[in-house]
């Protein structure tokens, strides 16, 4: 009974771009069903993204975080 009331309440909570929280939750659940299909691409996507972004990271930040040594 409480679950039904919660779902009914969500249909009245406004959410930008979706209309209400019920529609947003419905779309999220529908899209989440497709995630296992993309699981094999997680590692190559991460490596590719880091390969593309890493040269743009400031050297000072790398030293501050402790990833690389300070230049002499």
C-alpha atoms as a PDB file:
ATOM      1  CA  UNK A   1       0.000   0.000   0.000  1.00  0.00           C
ATOM      2  CA  UNK A   2       2.805   2.425   0.872  1.00  0.00           C
ATOM      3  CA  UNK A   3       4.576   1.618  -2.397  1.00  0.00           C
ATOM      4  CA  UNK A   4       1.480   2.483  -4.396  1.00  0.00           C
ATOM      5  CA  UNK A   5       1.176   5.796  -2.560  1.00  0.00           C
ATOM      6  CA  UNK A   6       4.858   6.559  -3.197  1.00  0.00           C
ATOM      7  CA  UNK A   7       4.498   5.880  -6.919  1.00  0.00           C
ATOM      8  CA  UNK A   8       1.349   7.993  -7.078  1.00  0.00           C
ATOM      9  CA  UNK A   9       3.208  10.789  -5.264  1.00  0.00           C
ATOM     10  CA  UNK A  10       6.063  10.654  -7.804  1.00  0.00           C
ATOM     11  CA  UNK A  11       3.643  11.377 -10.630  1.00  0.00           C
ATOM     12  CA  UNK A  12       3.015  14.801  -9.053  1.00  0.00           C
ATOM     13  CA  UNK A  13       6.646  15.815  -8.348  1.00  0.00           C
ATOM     14  CA  UNK A  14       7.855  18.061 -11.187  1.00  0.00           C
ATOM     15  CA  UNK A  15      11.220  17.232 -12.783  1.00  0.00           C
ATOM     16  CA  UNK A  16      12.771  19.423 -15.490  1.00  0.00           C
ATOM     17  CA  UNK A  17      12.934  17.892 -18.993  1.00  0.00           C
ATOM     18  CA  UNK A  18      10.751  14.898 -18.034  1.00  0.00           C
ATOM     19  CA  UNK A  19       7.563  16.423 -16.694  1.00  0.00           C
ATOM     20  CA  UNK A  20       7.382  14.451 -13.461  1.00  0.00           C
ATOM     21  CA  UNK A  21       9.477  12.057 -11.392  1.00  0.00           C
ATOM     22  CA  UNK A  22       7.394   9.051 -12.434  1.00  0.00           C
ATOM     23  CA  UNK A  23       8.312   9.550 -16.094  1.00  0.00           C
ATOM     24  CA  UNK A  24      11.961  10.173 -15.184  1.00  0.00           C
ATOM     25  CA  UNK A  25      12.108   6.933 -13.176  1.00  0.00           C
ATOM     26  CA  UNK A  26      10.399   5.011 -15.958  1.00  0.00           C
ATOM     27  CA  UNK A  27      12.869   6.254 -18.565  1.00  0.00           C
ATOM     28  CA  UNK A  28      15.831   5.545 -16.277  1.00  0.00           C
ATOM     29  CA  UNK A  29      14.707   1.954 -15.704  1.00  0.00           C
ATOM     30  CA  UNK A  30      14.134   1.461 -19.432  1.00  0.00           C
ATOM     31  CA  UNK A  31      17.620   2.750 -20.301  1.00  0.00           C
ATOM     32  CA  UNK A  32      19.288   0.757 -17.494  1.00  0.00           C
ATOM     33  CA  UNK A  33      18.186  -2.480 -19.165  1.00  0.00           C
ATOM     34  CA  UNK A  34      20.595  -1.729 -22.053  1.00  0.00           C
ATOM     35  CA  UNK A  35      23.691  -1.276 -19.841  1.00  0.00           C
ATOM     36  CA  UNK A  36      24.880  -4.916 -19.902  1.00  0.00           C
ATOM     37  CA  UNK A  37      25.177  -4.664 -23.679  1.00  0.00           C
ATOM     38  CA  UNK A  38      27.805  -1.921 -23.282  1.00  0.00           C
ATOM     39  CA  UNK A  39      29.795  -3.572 -20.469  1.00  0.00           C
ATOM     40  CA  UNK A  40      32.580  -4.869 -22.777  1.00  0.00           C
ATOM     41  CA  UNK A  41      33.298  -1.267 -23.812  1.00  0.00           C
ATOM     42  CA  UNK A  42      34.000   0.052 -20.288  1.00  0.00           C
ATOM     43  CA  UNK A  43      37.737  -0.717 -20.259  1.00  0.00           C
ATOM     44  CA  UNK A  44      38.506   0.402 -23.849  1.00  0.00           C
ATOM     45  CA  UNK A  45      36.426   3.554 -23.356  1.00  0.00           C
ATOM     46  CA  UNK A  46      38.227   4.430 -20.138  1.00  0.00           C
ATOM     47  CA  UNK A  47      41.670   3.843 -21.655  1.00  0.00           C
ATOM     48  CA  UNK A  48      40.771   5.835 -24.756  1.00  0.00           C
ATOM     49  CA  UNK A  49      39.369   8.705 -22.708  1.00  0.00           C
ATOM     50  CA  UNK A  50      42.433   8.879 -20.484  1.00  0.00           C
ATOM     51  CA  UNK A  51      44.743   8.683 -23.497  1.00  0.00           C
ATOM     52  CA  UNK A  52      42.901  11.648 -25.002  1.00  0.00           C
ATOM     53  CA  UNK A  53      42.645  13.764 -21.806  1.00  0.00           C
ATOM     54  CA  UNK A  54      45.906  12.964 -19.959  1.00  0.00           C
ATOM     55  CA  UNK A  55      48.180  15.284 -22.021  1.00  0.00           C
ATOM     56  CA  UNK A  56      45.902  18.225 -21.165  1.00  0.00           C
ATOM     57  CA  UNK A  57      46.284  17.708 -17.399  1.00  0.00           C
ATOM     58  CA  UNK A  58      48.537  20.344 -15.837  1.00  0.00           C
ATOM     59  CA  UNK A  59      51.961  19.092 -14.699  1.00  0.00           C
ATOM     60  CA  UNK A  60      51.645  21.040 -11.436  1.00  0.00           C
ATOM     61  CA  UNK A  61      48.447  19.161 -10.590  1.00  0.00           C
ATOM     62  CA  UNK A  62      50.129  15.806 -11.274  1.00  0.00           C
ATOM     63  CA  UNK A  63      52.920  16.711  -8.827  1.00  0.00           C
ATOM     64  CA  UNK A  64      50.442  17.996  -6.229  1.00  0.00           C
ATOM     65  CA  UNK A  65      48.428  14.773  -6.315  1.00  0.00           C
ATOM     66  CA  UNK A  66      51.623  12.684  -6.225  1.00  0.00           C
ATOM     67  CA  UNK A  67      51.269  11.009  -9.601  1.00  0.00           C
ATOM     68  CA  UNK A  68      54.566  12.307 -10.956  1.00  0.00           C
ATOM     69  CA  UNK A  69      57.776  13.691  -9.448  1.00  0.00           C
ATOM     70  CA  UNK A  70      58.585  17.380  -9.304  1.00  0.00           C
ATOM     71  CA  UNK A  71      60.854  18.557 -12.102  1.00  0.00           C
ATOM     72  CA  UNK A  72      64.423  19.311 -10.994  1.00  0.00           C
END
